[in-house]
N, C-alpha and C. Protein backbone atom coordinates (compact mmCIF):
# COMPACT_ATOMS: atom_id res chain seq x y z
N UNK A 1 -35.41 -92.05 -3.22
CA UNK A 1 -35.37 -91.32 -4.46
C UNK A 1 -36.20 -92.07 -5.50
N UNK A 2 -37.12 -91.37 -6.11
CA UNK A 2 -37.90 -91.95 -7.20
C UNK A 2 -37.05 -91.93 -8.47
N UNK A 3 -36.98 -93.07 -9.16
CA UNK A 3 -36.12 -93.22 -10.33
C UNK A 3 -36.95 -93.63 -11.53
N UNK A 4 -36.67 -92.99 -12.66
CA UNK A 4 -37.31 -93.35 -13.93
C UNK A 4 -36.31 -94.14 -14.76
N UNK A 5 -36.80 -95.12 -15.48
CA UNK A 5 -35.94 -95.96 -16.33
C UNK A 5 -36.55 -96.02 -17.72
N UNK A 6 -35.79 -95.61 -18.71
CA UNK A 6 -36.26 -95.63 -20.09
C UNK A 6 -36.26 -97.07 -20.59
N UNK A 7 -37.36 -97.54 -21.15
CA UNK A 7 -37.40 -98.91 -21.68
C UNK A 7 -36.36 -99.12 -22.78
N UNK A 8 -35.73 -100.29 -22.77
CA UNK A 8 -34.72 -100.63 -23.79
C UNK A 8 -35.26 -100.47 -25.21
N UNK A 9 -36.54 -100.75 -25.41
CA UNK A 9 -37.12 -100.67 -26.75
C UNK A 9 -37.01 -99.27 -27.35
N UNK A 10 -36.88 -98.24 -26.52
CA UNK A 10 -36.74 -96.87 -27.03
C UNK A 10 -35.42 -96.68 -27.78
N UNK A 11 -34.49 -97.61 -27.57
CA UNK A 11 -33.17 -97.49 -28.18
C UNK A 11 -32.97 -98.47 -29.33
N UNK A 12 -34.01 -99.21 -29.69
CA UNK A 12 -33.91 -100.16 -30.79
C UNK A 12 -33.64 -99.42 -32.10
N UNK A 13 -32.85 -100.05 -32.95
CA UNK A 13 -32.61 -99.57 -34.31
C UNK A 13 -31.94 -98.20 -34.39
N UNK A 14 -31.11 -97.87 -33.43
CA UNK A 14 -30.36 -96.63 -33.52
C UNK A 14 -29.27 -96.77 -34.58
N UNK A 15 -29.16 -95.80 -35.43
CA UNK A 15 -28.16 -95.83 -36.50
C UNK A 15 -26.76 -95.74 -35.90
N UNK A 16 -25.86 -96.58 -36.38
CA UNK A 16 -24.44 -96.57 -35.97
C UNK A 16 -24.25 -96.78 -34.48
N UNK A 17 -25.09 -97.59 -33.86
CA UNK A 17 -24.94 -97.83 -32.42
C UNK A 17 -25.14 -99.32 -32.13
N UNK A 18 -24.15 -100.15 -32.55
CA UNK A 18 -24.29 -101.60 -32.43
C UNK A 18 -23.79 -102.15 -31.09
N UNK A 19 -23.57 -101.30 -30.11
CA UNK A 19 -22.87 -101.68 -28.89
C UNK A 19 -23.79 -102.37 -27.88
N UNK A 20 -23.24 -103.40 -27.24
CA UNK A 20 -23.98 -104.10 -26.19
C UNK A 20 -24.08 -103.20 -24.96
N UNK A 21 -25.26 -103.19 -24.33
CA UNK A 21 -25.40 -102.38 -23.12
C UNK A 21 -24.78 -103.07 -21.91
N UNK A 22 -24.22 -102.27 -21.02
CA UNK A 22 -23.69 -102.75 -19.74
C UNK A 22 -24.24 -101.82 -18.67
N UNK A 23 -24.45 -102.36 -17.47
CA UNK A 23 -25.00 -101.55 -16.39
C UNK A 23 -24.25 -101.82 -15.10
N UNK A 24 -24.14 -100.78 -14.28
CA UNK A 24 -23.53 -100.90 -12.97
C UNK A 24 -24.41 -100.13 -11.99
N UNK A 25 -24.62 -100.71 -10.80
CA UNK A 25 -25.35 -100.01 -9.75
C UNK A 25 -24.41 -99.00 -9.11
N UNK A 26 -24.81 -97.73 -9.11
CA UNK A 26 -23.96 -96.68 -8.56
C UNK A 26 -24.49 -96.11 -7.25
N UNK A 27 -25.68 -96.55 -6.87
CA UNK A 27 -26.31 -96.11 -5.63
C UNK A 27 -27.54 -97.00 -5.44
N UNK A 28 -28.16 -96.88 -4.29
CA UNK A 28 -29.38 -97.67 -4.06
C UNK A 28 -30.40 -97.35 -5.14
N UNK A 29 -30.84 -98.38 -5.85
CA UNK A 29 -31.90 -98.24 -6.84
C UNK A 29 -31.51 -97.34 -8.02
N UNK A 30 -30.23 -97.17 -8.30
CA UNK A 30 -29.82 -96.29 -9.39
C UNK A 30 -28.77 -97.00 -10.24
N UNK A 31 -29.09 -97.15 -11.53
CA UNK A 31 -28.28 -97.92 -12.46
C UNK A 31 -27.70 -97.01 -13.53
N UNK A 32 -26.38 -97.14 -13.76
CA UNK A 32 -25.70 -96.37 -14.80
C UNK A 32 -25.35 -97.28 -15.97
N UNK A 33 -25.68 -96.83 -17.16
CA UNK A 33 -25.35 -97.56 -18.38
C UNK A 33 -23.95 -97.14 -18.84
N UNK A 34 -23.24 -98.07 -19.46
CA UNK A 34 -21.95 -97.73 -20.06
C UNK A 34 -21.66 -98.68 -21.21
N UNK A 35 -20.86 -98.17 -22.15
CA UNK A 35 -20.31 -99.00 -23.22
C UNK A 35 -18.96 -99.49 -22.74
N UNK A 36 -18.59 -100.70 -23.13
CA UNK A 36 -17.29 -101.27 -22.76
C UNK A 36 -16.81 -102.07 -23.96
N UNK A 37 -16.01 -101.43 -24.79
CA UNK A 37 -15.57 -102.03 -26.05
C UNK A 37 -14.05 -102.16 -26.08
N UNK A 38 -13.56 -103.09 -26.87
CA UNK A 38 -12.13 -103.31 -26.99
C UNK A 38 -11.65 -104.34 -25.98
N UNK A 39 -10.36 -104.65 -26.01
CA UNK A 39 -9.84 -105.68 -25.11
C UNK A 39 -9.90 -105.24 -23.64
N UNK A 40 -10.35 -106.13 -22.77
CA UNK A 40 -10.50 -105.80 -21.34
C UNK A 40 -9.15 -105.50 -20.68
N UNK A 41 -8.06 -106.02 -21.27
CA UNK A 41 -6.75 -105.75 -20.70
C UNK A 41 -6.04 -104.59 -21.40
N UNK A 42 -6.73 -103.92 -22.33
CA UNK A 42 -6.15 -102.77 -23.02
C UNK A 42 -6.13 -101.55 -22.12
N UNK A 43 -5.29 -100.57 -22.45
CA UNK A 43 -5.28 -99.33 -21.67
C UNK A 43 -6.65 -98.66 -21.75
N UNK A 44 -7.24 -98.28 -20.61
CA UNK A 44 -8.60 -97.74 -20.64
C UNK A 44 -8.66 -96.29 -21.12
N UNK A 45 -9.63 -96.04 -21.98
CA UNK A 45 -9.98 -94.70 -22.43
C UNK A 45 -11.39 -94.44 -21.92
N UNK A 46 -11.56 -93.37 -21.17
CA UNK A 46 -12.85 -93.00 -20.60
C UNK A 46 -13.37 -91.77 -21.34
N UNK A 47 -14.50 -91.92 -22.01
CA UNK A 47 -15.11 -90.83 -22.76
C UNK A 47 -16.33 -90.35 -21.98
N UNK A 48 -16.30 -89.09 -21.55
CA UNK A 48 -17.41 -88.51 -20.77
C UNK A 48 -18.12 -87.45 -21.59
N UNK A 49 -19.41 -87.62 -21.77
CA UNK A 49 -20.22 -86.70 -22.56
C UNK A 49 -20.66 -85.49 -21.74
N UNK A 50 -21.21 -84.51 -22.44
CA UNK A 50 -21.78 -83.34 -21.80
C UNK A 50 -23.30 -83.37 -21.86
N UNK A 51 -23.88 -82.21 -21.68
CA UNK A 51 -25.33 -82.10 -21.72
C UNK A 51 -25.73 -81.45 -23.02
N UNK A 52 -26.74 -81.92 -23.68
CA UNK A 52 -27.70 -82.95 -23.32
C UNK A 52 -27.44 -84.28 -24.01
N UNK A 53 -26.22 -84.67 -24.20
CA UNK A 53 -25.89 -85.86 -24.97
C UNK A 53 -25.78 -87.09 -24.07
N UNK A 54 -25.33 -88.19 -24.66
CA UNK A 54 -25.10 -89.45 -23.95
C UNK A 54 -24.07 -90.23 -24.75
N UNK A 55 -23.85 -91.50 -24.47
CA UNK A 55 -22.79 -92.27 -25.12
C UNK A 55 -22.93 -92.30 -26.65
N UNK A 56 -24.10 -92.07 -27.16
CA UNK A 56 -24.32 -92.02 -28.60
C UNK A 56 -23.40 -90.99 -29.26
N UNK A 57 -23.04 -89.94 -28.53
CA UNK A 57 -22.14 -88.91 -29.04
C UNK A 57 -20.83 -89.50 -29.56
N UNK A 58 -20.36 -90.55 -28.92
CA UNK A 58 -19.04 -91.12 -29.23
C UNK A 58 -19.10 -92.35 -30.14
N UNK A 59 -20.23 -92.61 -30.76
CA UNK A 59 -20.41 -93.82 -31.56
C UNK A 59 -19.39 -93.96 -32.68
N UNK A 60 -18.87 -92.85 -33.21
CA UNK A 60 -17.89 -92.91 -34.30
C UNK A 60 -16.46 -93.02 -33.76
N UNK A 61 -16.24 -92.66 -32.51
CA UNK A 61 -14.90 -92.72 -31.92
C UNK A 61 -14.60 -94.09 -31.32
N UNK A 62 -15.63 -94.77 -30.82
CA UNK A 62 -15.42 -96.03 -30.11
C UNK A 62 -14.77 -97.10 -31.00
N UNK A 63 -15.28 -97.40 -32.20
CA UNK A 63 -14.67 -98.48 -33.00
C UNK A 63 -13.19 -98.30 -33.31
N UNK A 64 -12.73 -97.11 -33.77
CA UNK A 64 -11.29 -97.01 -34.05
C UNK A 64 -10.42 -97.09 -32.80
N UNK A 65 -10.91 -96.57 -31.68
CA UNK A 65 -10.14 -96.68 -30.43
C UNK A 65 -10.03 -98.14 -29.99
N UNK A 66 -11.15 -98.85 -30.07
CA UNK A 66 -11.14 -100.27 -29.69
C UNK A 66 -10.25 -101.08 -30.65
N UNK A 67 -10.31 -100.76 -31.93
CA UNK A 67 -9.47 -101.47 -32.92
C UNK A 67 -7.99 -101.20 -32.70
N UNK A 68 -7.67 -100.07 -32.07
CA UNK A 68 -6.27 -99.73 -31.78
C UNK A 68 -5.79 -100.39 -30.49
N UNK A 69 -6.65 -101.19 -29.86
CA UNK A 69 -6.25 -101.94 -28.67
C UNK A 69 -6.62 -101.31 -27.34
N UNK A 70 -7.40 -100.24 -27.38
CA UNK A 70 -7.84 -99.60 -26.13
C UNK A 70 -9.12 -100.22 -25.61
N UNK A 71 -9.27 -100.25 -24.30
CA UNK A 71 -10.55 -100.58 -23.68
C UNK A 71 -11.31 -99.26 -23.58
N UNK A 72 -12.39 -99.14 -24.30
CA UNK A 72 -13.13 -97.88 -24.39
C UNK A 72 -14.38 -97.98 -23.51
N UNK A 73 -14.41 -97.14 -22.48
CA UNK A 73 -15.53 -97.11 -21.54
C UNK A 73 -16.23 -95.77 -21.69
N UNK A 74 -17.54 -95.84 -21.95
CA UNK A 74 -18.31 -94.63 -22.19
C UNK A 74 -19.60 -94.70 -21.36
N UNK A 75 -19.59 -94.10 -20.17
CA UNK A 75 -20.81 -94.11 -19.37
C UNK A 75 -21.82 -93.08 -19.86
N UNK A 76 -23.09 -93.40 -19.67
CA UNK A 76 -24.14 -92.40 -19.77
C UNK A 76 -24.29 -91.83 -18.37
N UNK A 77 -24.00 -90.56 -18.20
CA UNK A 77 -24.16 -89.97 -16.88
C UNK A 77 -25.60 -90.15 -16.41
N UNK A 78 -25.78 -90.21 -15.12
CA UNK A 78 -27.14 -90.37 -14.57
C UNK A 78 -28.02 -89.24 -15.09
N UNK A 79 -29.21 -89.63 -15.57
CA UNK A 79 -30.15 -88.66 -16.13
C UNK A 79 -30.11 -88.61 -17.65
N UNK A 80 -29.20 -89.36 -18.25
CA UNK A 80 -29.01 -89.29 -19.70
C UNK A 80 -28.99 -90.69 -20.32
N UNK A 81 -29.39 -90.76 -21.59
CA UNK A 81 -29.29 -92.00 -22.36
C UNK A 81 -29.98 -93.16 -21.69
N UNK A 82 -29.25 -94.28 -21.59
CA UNK A 82 -29.80 -95.50 -21.03
C UNK A 82 -29.67 -95.58 -19.51
N UNK A 83 -29.02 -94.60 -18.91
CA UNK A 83 -28.89 -94.59 -17.44
C UNK A 83 -30.22 -94.17 -16.80
N UNK A 84 -30.37 -94.53 -15.54
CA UNK A 84 -31.56 -94.14 -14.80
C UNK A 84 -31.63 -92.63 -14.64
N UNK A 85 -32.86 -92.17 -14.41
CA UNK A 85 -33.12 -90.74 -14.30
C UNK A 85 -33.87 -90.45 -13.00
N UNK A 86 -33.21 -89.85 -12.01
CA UNK A 86 -33.94 -89.44 -10.82
C UNK A 86 -35.08 -88.50 -11.22
N UNK A 87 -36.22 -88.64 -10.56
CA UNK A 87 -37.42 -87.92 -10.98
C UNK A 87 -37.44 -86.46 -10.53
N UNK A 88 -36.76 -86.12 -9.46
CA UNK A 88 -36.82 -84.76 -8.95
C UNK A 88 -35.57 -83.98 -9.31
N UNK A 89 -35.75 -82.72 -9.64
CA UNK A 89 -34.61 -81.84 -9.94
C UNK A 89 -33.61 -81.80 -8.79
N UNK A 90 -34.12 -81.81 -7.58
CA UNK A 90 -33.24 -81.71 -6.41
C UNK A 90 -32.36 -82.94 -6.24
N UNK A 91 -32.64 -84.02 -6.96
CA UNK A 91 -31.81 -85.21 -6.91
C UNK A 91 -30.56 -85.09 -7.79
N UNK A 92 -30.47 -84.01 -8.55
CA UNK A 92 -29.32 -83.80 -9.43
C UNK A 92 -28.42 -82.75 -8.80
N UNK A 93 -27.30 -83.20 -8.28
CA UNK A 93 -26.31 -82.26 -7.76
C UNK A 93 -24.94 -82.63 -8.33
N UNK A 94 -24.06 -81.67 -8.32
CA UNK A 94 -22.70 -81.92 -8.78
C UNK A 94 -22.05 -83.01 -7.93
N UNK A 95 -22.24 -82.91 -6.61
CA UNK A 95 -21.65 -83.88 -5.69
C UNK A 95 -22.18 -85.29 -5.97
N UNK A 96 -23.47 -85.42 -6.23
CA UNK A 96 -24.01 -86.75 -6.54
C UNK A 96 -23.49 -87.27 -7.87
N UNK A 97 -23.40 -86.41 -8.88
CA UNK A 97 -22.84 -86.86 -10.16
C UNK A 97 -21.40 -87.35 -9.97
N UNK A 98 -20.63 -86.64 -9.15
CA UNK A 98 -19.26 -87.07 -8.87
C UNK A 98 -19.26 -88.43 -8.18
N UNK A 99 -20.12 -88.59 -7.19
CA UNK A 99 -20.22 -89.88 -6.47
C UNK A 99 -20.59 -91.01 -7.42
N UNK A 100 -21.57 -90.77 -8.26
CA UNK A 100 -22.03 -91.81 -9.19
C UNK A 100 -20.92 -92.19 -10.16
N UNK A 101 -20.20 -91.20 -10.68
CA UNK A 101 -19.09 -91.50 -11.59
C UNK A 101 -18.00 -92.29 -10.88
N UNK A 102 -17.64 -91.88 -9.67
CA UNK A 102 -16.63 -92.62 -8.90
C UNK A 102 -17.07 -94.05 -8.63
N UNK A 103 -18.32 -94.24 -8.32
CA UNK A 103 -18.84 -95.59 -8.09
C UNK A 103 -18.69 -96.44 -9.34
N UNK A 104 -18.97 -95.87 -10.50
CA UNK A 104 -18.81 -96.59 -11.77
C UNK A 104 -17.35 -96.96 -11.98
N UNK A 105 -16.44 -96.00 -11.82
CA UNK A 105 -15.01 -96.27 -12.03
C UNK A 105 -14.49 -97.30 -11.04
N UNK A 106 -14.94 -97.23 -9.79
CA UNK A 106 -14.53 -98.21 -8.78
C UNK A 106 -15.03 -99.60 -9.15
N UNK A 107 -16.30 -99.69 -9.57
CA UNK A 107 -16.86 -100.99 -9.94
C UNK A 107 -16.12 -101.62 -11.11
N UNK A 108 -15.70 -100.79 -12.05
CA UNK A 108 -14.99 -101.30 -13.23
C UNK A 108 -13.49 -101.45 -12.99
N UNK A 109 -13.02 -100.99 -11.83
CA UNK A 109 -11.61 -101.10 -11.45
C UNK A 109 -10.68 -100.48 -12.50
N UNK A 110 -11.05 -99.30 -12.96
CA UNK A 110 -10.26 -98.63 -13.99
C UNK A 110 -9.09 -97.88 -13.37
N UNK A 111 -7.90 -98.09 -13.94
CA UNK A 111 -6.66 -97.43 -13.53
C UNK A 111 -5.88 -97.09 -14.80
N UNK A 112 -4.98 -96.12 -14.73
CA UNK A 112 -4.19 -95.74 -15.91
C UNK A 112 -5.06 -95.17 -17.00
N UNK A 113 -6.08 -94.45 -16.63
CA UNK A 113 -7.13 -93.97 -17.54
C UNK A 113 -6.64 -92.81 -18.41
N UNK A 114 -6.98 -92.87 -19.69
CA UNK A 114 -6.91 -91.69 -20.55
C UNK A 114 -8.33 -91.12 -20.58
N UNK A 115 -8.47 -89.92 -20.08
CA UNK A 115 -9.78 -89.26 -19.98
C UNK A 115 -9.97 -88.31 -21.14
N UNK A 116 -11.12 -88.41 -21.79
CA UNK A 116 -11.57 -87.38 -22.71
C UNK A 116 -12.90 -86.88 -22.19
N UNK A 117 -12.93 -85.63 -21.73
CA UNK A 117 -14.15 -85.05 -21.19
C UNK A 117 -14.64 -83.92 -22.07
N UNK A 118 -15.92 -83.95 -22.37
CA UNK A 118 -16.53 -82.93 -23.22
C UNK A 118 -17.62 -82.24 -22.41
N UNK A 119 -17.62 -80.89 -22.41
CA UNK A 119 -18.66 -80.10 -21.77
C UNK A 119 -18.77 -80.50 -20.29
N UNK A 120 -19.95 -80.90 -19.82
CA UNK A 120 -20.12 -81.29 -18.42
C UNK A 120 -19.26 -82.50 -18.06
N UNK A 121 -18.94 -83.32 -19.05
CA UNK A 121 -18.04 -84.44 -18.80
C UNK A 121 -16.67 -83.97 -18.36
N UNK A 122 -16.27 -82.78 -18.82
CA UNK A 122 -14.98 -82.23 -18.37
C UNK A 122 -15.08 -81.78 -16.92
N UNK A 123 -16.20 -81.18 -16.53
CA UNK A 123 -16.36 -80.74 -15.14
C UNK A 123 -16.25 -81.92 -14.18
N UNK A 124 -16.92 -83.00 -14.51
CA UNK A 124 -16.87 -84.19 -13.64
C UNK A 124 -15.54 -84.92 -13.75
N UNK A 125 -15.05 -85.10 -14.97
CA UNK A 125 -13.80 -85.82 -15.15
C UNK A 125 -12.62 -85.11 -14.50
N UNK A 126 -12.53 -83.80 -14.64
CA UNK A 126 -11.44 -83.05 -14.02
C UNK A 126 -11.52 -83.10 -12.50
N UNK A 127 -12.72 -83.04 -11.98
CA UNK A 127 -12.89 -83.12 -10.52
C UNK A 127 -12.42 -84.48 -10.00
N UNK A 128 -12.85 -85.55 -10.66
CA UNK A 128 -12.45 -86.89 -10.24
C UNK A 128 -10.94 -87.06 -10.39
N UNK A 129 -10.38 -86.57 -11.50
CA UNK A 129 -8.93 -86.67 -11.70
C UNK A 129 -8.17 -85.85 -10.66
N UNK A 130 -8.75 -84.75 -10.23
CA UNK A 130 -8.12 -83.93 -9.20
C UNK A 130 -8.10 -84.59 -7.84
N UNK A 131 -9.12 -85.39 -7.55
CA UNK A 131 -9.17 -86.08 -6.25
C UNK A 131 -8.48 -87.43 -6.29
N UNK A 132 -8.30 -88.00 -7.49
CA UNK A 132 -7.65 -89.31 -7.63
C UNK A 132 -6.64 -89.28 -8.78
N UNK A 133 -5.62 -88.41 -8.68
CA UNK A 133 -4.71 -88.23 -9.82
C UNK A 133 -3.94 -89.49 -10.22
N UNK A 134 -3.68 -90.38 -9.28
CA UNK A 134 -2.93 -91.59 -9.60
C UNK A 134 -3.70 -92.54 -10.51
N UNK A 135 -4.98 -92.33 -10.62
CA UNK A 135 -5.83 -93.19 -11.44
C UNK A 135 -5.75 -92.82 -12.92
N UNK A 136 -5.24 -91.62 -13.24
CA UNK A 136 -5.28 -91.09 -14.60
C UNK A 136 -3.88 -90.97 -15.19
N UNK A 137 -3.76 -91.36 -16.47
CA UNK A 137 -2.48 -91.26 -17.19
C UNK A 137 -2.45 -90.02 -18.08
N UNK A 138 -3.59 -89.70 -18.68
CA UNK A 138 -3.69 -88.58 -19.63
C UNK A 138 -5.07 -87.95 -19.51
N UNK A 139 -5.13 -86.66 -19.85
CA UNK A 139 -6.42 -85.95 -19.80
C UNK A 139 -6.52 -85.05 -21.03
N UNK A 140 -7.66 -85.14 -21.70
CA UNK A 140 -7.98 -84.25 -22.82
C UNK A 140 -9.37 -83.68 -22.56
N UNK A 141 -9.52 -82.39 -22.81
CA UNK A 141 -10.78 -81.70 -22.54
C UNK A 141 -11.23 -80.97 -23.80
N UNK A 142 -12.53 -81.02 -24.05
CA UNK A 142 -13.12 -80.31 -25.17
C UNK A 142 -14.32 -79.52 -24.66
N UNK A 143 -14.35 -78.23 -24.97
CA UNK A 143 -15.47 -77.39 -24.57
C UNK A 143 -15.73 -77.51 -23.08
N UNK A 144 -14.69 -77.37 -22.28
CA UNK A 144 -14.88 -77.53 -20.85
C UNK A 144 -13.84 -76.79 -20.04
N UNK A 145 -14.00 -76.90 -18.76
CA UNK A 145 -13.10 -76.26 -17.81
C UNK A 145 -13.42 -76.82 -16.42
N UNK A 146 -12.70 -76.33 -15.44
CA UNK A 146 -13.00 -76.68 -14.06
C UNK A 146 -13.03 -75.39 -13.25
N UNK A 147 -14.21 -74.78 -13.14
CA UNK A 147 -14.30 -73.55 -12.38
C UNK A 147 -13.97 -73.82 -10.91
N UNK A 148 -13.25 -72.89 -10.31
CA UNK A 148 -12.87 -73.06 -8.90
C UNK A 148 -13.51 -71.99 -8.01
N UNK A 149 -14.43 -71.23 -8.56
CA UNK A 149 -15.19 -70.28 -7.76
C UNK A 149 -14.53 -68.93 -7.56
N UNK A 150 -13.42 -68.66 -8.22
CA UNK A 150 -12.75 -67.37 -8.05
C UNK A 150 -13.31 -66.30 -8.98
N UNK A 151 -13.94 -66.71 -10.07
CA UNK A 151 -14.52 -65.77 -11.02
C UNK A 151 -16.01 -66.04 -11.16
N UNK A 152 -16.80 -65.01 -11.43
CA UNK A 152 -18.22 -65.26 -11.65
C UNK A 152 -18.43 -66.05 -12.94
N UNK A 153 -19.50 -66.80 -12.99
CA UNK A 153 -19.82 -67.54 -14.20
C UNK A 153 -20.17 -66.55 -15.31
N UNK A 154 -19.88 -66.91 -16.54
CA UNK A 154 -20.12 -66.02 -17.67
C UNK A 154 -21.62 -65.79 -17.87
N UNK A 155 -21.92 -64.71 -18.58
CA UNK A 155 -23.32 -64.43 -18.91
C UNK A 155 -23.92 -65.59 -19.70
N UNK A 156 -23.17 -66.13 -20.65
CA UNK A 156 -23.68 -67.24 -21.47
C UNK A 156 -24.04 -68.44 -20.60
N UNK A 157 -23.21 -68.75 -19.61
CA UNK A 157 -23.52 -69.87 -18.73
C UNK A 157 -24.76 -69.58 -17.90
N UNK A 158 -24.85 -68.38 -17.36
CA UNK A 158 -26.01 -68.02 -16.54
C UNK A 158 -27.29 -68.06 -17.37
N UNK A 159 -27.22 -67.62 -18.63
CA UNK A 159 -28.39 -67.66 -19.52
C UNK A 159 -28.79 -69.10 -19.80
N UNK A 160 -27.80 -69.95 -20.08
CA UNK A 160 -28.11 -71.37 -20.31
C UNK A 160 -28.75 -72.00 -19.07
N UNK A 161 -28.19 -71.71 -17.89
CA UNK A 161 -28.72 -72.26 -16.65
C UNK A 161 -30.18 -71.83 -16.44
N UNK A 162 -30.47 -70.57 -16.69
CA UNK A 162 -31.84 -70.07 -16.55
C UNK A 162 -32.77 -70.78 -17.54
N UNK A 163 -32.30 -70.95 -18.78
CA UNK A 163 -33.11 -71.66 -19.77
C UNK A 163 -33.39 -73.09 -19.32
N UNK A 164 -32.34 -73.78 -18.87
CA UNK A 164 -32.50 -75.18 -18.45
C UNK A 164 -33.46 -75.28 -17.26
N UNK A 165 -33.41 -74.33 -16.37
CA UNK A 165 -34.25 -74.38 -15.17
C UNK A 165 -35.70 -74.02 -15.46
N UNK A 166 -35.93 -73.04 -16.32
CA UNK A 166 -37.28 -72.50 -16.50
C UNK A 166 -37.94 -72.86 -17.83
N UNK A 167 -37.26 -73.59 -18.69
CA UNK A 167 -37.84 -73.95 -19.97
C UNK A 167 -39.10 -74.77 -19.79
N UNK A 168 -40.15 -74.45 -20.54
CA UNK A 168 -41.37 -75.26 -20.45
C UNK A 168 -41.23 -76.61 -21.16
N UNK A 169 -40.11 -76.82 -21.86
CA UNK A 169 -39.87 -78.08 -22.56
C UNK A 169 -39.29 -79.06 -21.56
N UNK A 170 -40.10 -79.98 -21.09
CA UNK A 170 -39.64 -80.94 -20.11
C UNK A 170 -40.74 -81.93 -19.80
N UNK A 171 -40.57 -82.64 -18.72
CA UNK A 171 -41.52 -83.69 -18.37
C UNK A 171 -42.44 -83.30 -17.22
N UNK A 172 -42.28 -82.11 -16.67
CA UNK A 172 -43.10 -81.69 -15.54
C UNK A 172 -42.27 -80.97 -14.51
N UNK A 173 -42.91 -80.49 -13.48
CA UNK A 173 -42.23 -79.66 -12.49
C UNK A 173 -41.13 -80.37 -11.73
N UNK A 174 -41.25 -81.67 -11.50
CA UNK A 174 -40.27 -82.37 -10.69
C UNK A 174 -39.21 -83.07 -11.51
N UNK A 175 -39.22 -82.84 -12.82
CA UNK A 175 -38.22 -83.54 -13.65
C UNK A 175 -37.34 -82.55 -14.35
N UNK A 176 -36.13 -82.94 -14.69
CA UNK A 176 -35.20 -82.02 -15.37
C UNK A 176 -35.73 -81.63 -16.75
N UNK A 177 -35.74 -80.37 -17.04
CA UNK A 177 -36.20 -79.89 -18.35
C UNK A 177 -35.28 -80.39 -19.45
N UNK A 178 -35.91 -80.72 -20.56
CA UNK A 178 -35.14 -81.06 -21.75
C UNK A 178 -34.49 -82.42 -21.73
N UNK A 179 -34.65 -83.21 -20.68
CA UNK A 179 -34.01 -84.52 -20.64
C UNK A 179 -34.82 -85.46 -21.54
N UNK A 180 -34.13 -86.22 -22.35
CA UNK A 180 -34.79 -87.22 -23.16
C UNK A 180 -33.84 -88.40 -23.30
N UNK A 181 -34.37 -89.56 -23.63
CA UNK A 181 -33.51 -90.73 -23.73
C UNK A 181 -32.60 -90.71 -24.94
N UNK A 182 -32.79 -89.81 -25.87
CA UNK A 182 -31.95 -89.78 -27.07
C UNK A 182 -31.30 -88.44 -27.22
């Protein structure tokens, strides 16, 4: 798999983002970025972003949660923010995103997790919680769901999917449209 990596300098001087970067290998040649703030022995809070955002979305939530004694872990899903970006569209699948997220959680040895999933973060977080329920203590979802295939996807979702697939705003034919490091 060909992987693109955004240079760290692209993230210099971001407003309200004083967090140290952390990285974990989630697959061969694929690195996931995450924030890890608050006491390491605090109850873990996992914040999962949607599309097209990244951990920057939670920059205002991280400090008060950490100050309240929580260990706040905020990964950038693969393809977003400071995480690596597979170069081909076909390298992005739901199953691979699930694998990459599980690899991150396993590497960090997170248990007793309070999950907050937003948008696509809810799709992945709910799936992982469904396969590993003992790992999670609480779940909160915003702008999300877990489709189980019994109903057709809404018109709005199908329109968004078509836009994301065919939009000329992107990096080229083999890269995901609209992906940017910020």
